[in-house]
Amino acid sequence: MADNYVDLHPPVVVAAGTSTAGTSTEWQSWGTQADTTLRETSAQVGDAVLSLAVENYTTSWNPRIQGVAVQVDALGVNTRTAANTMTSADGDAVNALMPVGAAASTQGSVLSRPIAV
């Protein structure tokens, strides 16, 4: 029979969220570097049509990369928040279920659910 509960290892999930959010700076930096390189290329191409094409590409492309940086940061922060929420919920569940669990135990109940504390 499959387990019917969420198994969470908060320190691992928090570390993953922190690492994920930490990469947003690299995404931003990479986007800025690419933008600078493309703009320099546009200025040095020597052909007005090609220069305009590169400039248009740069203008539409860079905001997307910067948007990825924002989304990566949000993903990391939300991952950490979810782990902390689960930890808090488990603590609340322990407090709420302990009296009930103790009473059920004295009655020979087989009801159980692992709760991380």
Protein backbone atom coordinates (compact mmCIF):
# COMPACT_ATOMS: atom_id res chain seq x y z
CA MET A 1 0.00 0.00 0.00
CA ALA A 2 1.36 3.43 -0.94
CA ASP A 3 2.00 6.06 1.70
CA ASN A 4 -0.75 8.65 1.77
CA TYR A 5 1.26 11.53 3.13
CA VAL A 6 3.86 14.02 1.98
CA ASP A 7 7.39 13.14 3.00
CA LEU A 8 9.54 16.23 3.34
CA HIS A 9 13.12 16.76 4.45
CA PRO A 10 13.05 20.51 5.22
CA PRO A 11 16.82 21.16 5.36
CA VAL A 12 17.28 19.57 1.92
CA VAL A 13 14.35 21.48 0.40
CA VAL A 14 15.44 24.78 1.97
CA ALA A 15 18.99 24.26 0.66
CA ALA A 16 17.64 23.49 -2.82
CA GLY A 17 15.49 26.64 -2.74
CA THR A 18 18.44 28.73 -1.60
CA SER A 19 20.67 27.30 -4.35
CA THR A 20 17.99 27.88 -6.98
CA ALA A 21 17.40 31.48 -5.91
CA GLY A 22 21.16 32.01 -5.87
CA THR A 23 21.41 31.28 -9.59
CA SER A 24 19.18 34.24 -10.43
CA THR A 25 22.19 36.52 -10.14
CA GLU A 26 24.02 34.48 -12.78
CA TRP A 27 20.97 34.64 -15.06
CA GLN A 28 20.88 38.42 -14.67
CA SER A 29 24.60 38.73 -15.25
CA TRP A 30 24.49 36.50 -18.32
CA GLY A 31 21.60 38.53 -19.75
CA THR A 32 23.48 41.77 -19.18
CA GLN A 33 26.65 40.39 -20.77
CA ALA A 34 24.76 39.12 -23.80
CA ASP A 35 22.96 42.45 -24.11
CA THR A 36 26.22 44.37 -24.02
CA THR A 37 27.87 42.05 -26.56
CA LEU A 38 24.91 42.26 -28.96
CA ARG A 39 24.73 46.04 -28.69
CA GLU A 40 28.47 46.33 -29.38
CA THR A 41 28.06 43.98 -32.34
CA SER A 42 25.16 46.05 -33.64
CA ALA A 43 27.28 49.19 -33.51
CA GLN A 44 30.21 47.56 -35.34
CA VAL A 45 28.38 45.63 -38.07
CA GLY A 46 28.68 48.39 -40.64
CA ASP A 47 25.36 47.65 -42.32
CA ALA A 48 22.31 49.64 -41.22
CA VAL A 49 19.78 46.87 -41.94
CA LEU A 50 21.80 44.21 -40.15
CA SER A 51 22.57 46.57 -37.28
CA LEU A 52 18.86 47.31 -36.85
CA ALA A 53 18.04 43.60 -36.93
CA VAL A 54 20.56 42.85 -34.18
CA GLU A 55 19.28 45.81 -32.15
CA ASN A 56 15.66 44.63 -32.51
CA TYR A 57 16.65 41.11 -31.50
CA THR A 58 18.51 42.44 -28.47
CA THR A 59 15.57 44.60 -27.43
CA SER A 60 13.15 41.66 -27.48
CA TRP A 61 15.53 39.03 -26.13
CA ASN A 62 17.12 40.62 -23.06
CA PRO A 63 13.89 41.35 -21.14
CA ARG A 64 13.03 37.65 -21.46
CA ILE A 65 16.34 36.62 -19.91
CA GLN A 66 15.91 39.17 -17.13
CA GLY A 67 12.41 37.75 -16.63
CA VAL A 68 13.88 34.27 -16.24
CA ALA A 69 16.16 35.64 -13.51
CA VAL A 70 13.13 36.99 -11.64
CA GLN A 71 11.24 33.71 -12.04
CA VAL A 72 14.23 31.63 -10.88
CA ASP A 73 14.53 33.79 -7.78
CA ALA A 74 10.79 33.42 -7.10
CA LEU A 75 11.01 29.65 -7.55
CA GLY A 76 13.80 29.40 -5.00
CA VAL A 77 12.10 31.68 -2.48
CA ASN A 78 8.76 29.88 -2.87
CA THR A 79 10.47 26.50 -2.46
CA ARG A 80 11.98 27.61 0.85
CA THR A 81 8.63 29.05 1.93
CA ALA A 82 6.85 25.78 1.09
CA ALA A 83 9.35 23.77 3.17
CA ASN A 84 8.92 26.14 6.10
CA THR A 85 5.13 25.99 5.75
CA MET A 86 5.19 22.18 5.81
CA THR A 87 7.46 22.20 8.87
CA SER A 88 5.12 24.62 10.63
CA ALA A 89 2.07 22.56 9.63
CA ASP A 90 3.70 19.41 10.99
CA GLY A 91 4.36 21.21 14.27
CA ASP A 92 0.73 22.33 14.42
CA ALA A 93 -0.41 18.80 13.59
CA VAL A 94 1.71 17.33 16.38
CA ASN A 95 0.16 19.74 18.87
CA ALA A 96 -3.35 19.05 17.61
CA LEU A 97 -3.06 15.28 17.24
CA MET A 98 -1.01 14.34 20.30
CA PRO A 99 -3.98 14.34 22.67
CA VAL A 100 -6.12 12.47 20.12
CA GLY A 101 -3.29 10.04 19.34
CA ALA A 102 -2.71 9.33 23.00
CA ALA A 103 -6.40 8.64 23.52
CA ALA A 104 -6.56 6.42 20.43
CA SER A 105 -3.45 4.55 21.55
CA THR A 106 -5.06 3.65 24.84
CA GLN A 107 -8.01 2.29 22.88
CA GLY A 108 -5.77 0.12 20.69
CA SER A 109 -6.19 2.17 17.51
CA VAL A 110 -4.08 1.31 14.48
CA LEU A 111 -4.45 4.78 12.99
CA SER A 112 -1.06 6.33 12.32
CA ARG A 113 0.65 8.89 10.11
CA PRO A 114 4.33 9.80 10.41
CA ILE A 115 4.74 13.48 11.29
CA ALA A 116 8.16 15.11 11.23
CA VAL A 117 8.84 17.28 14.24
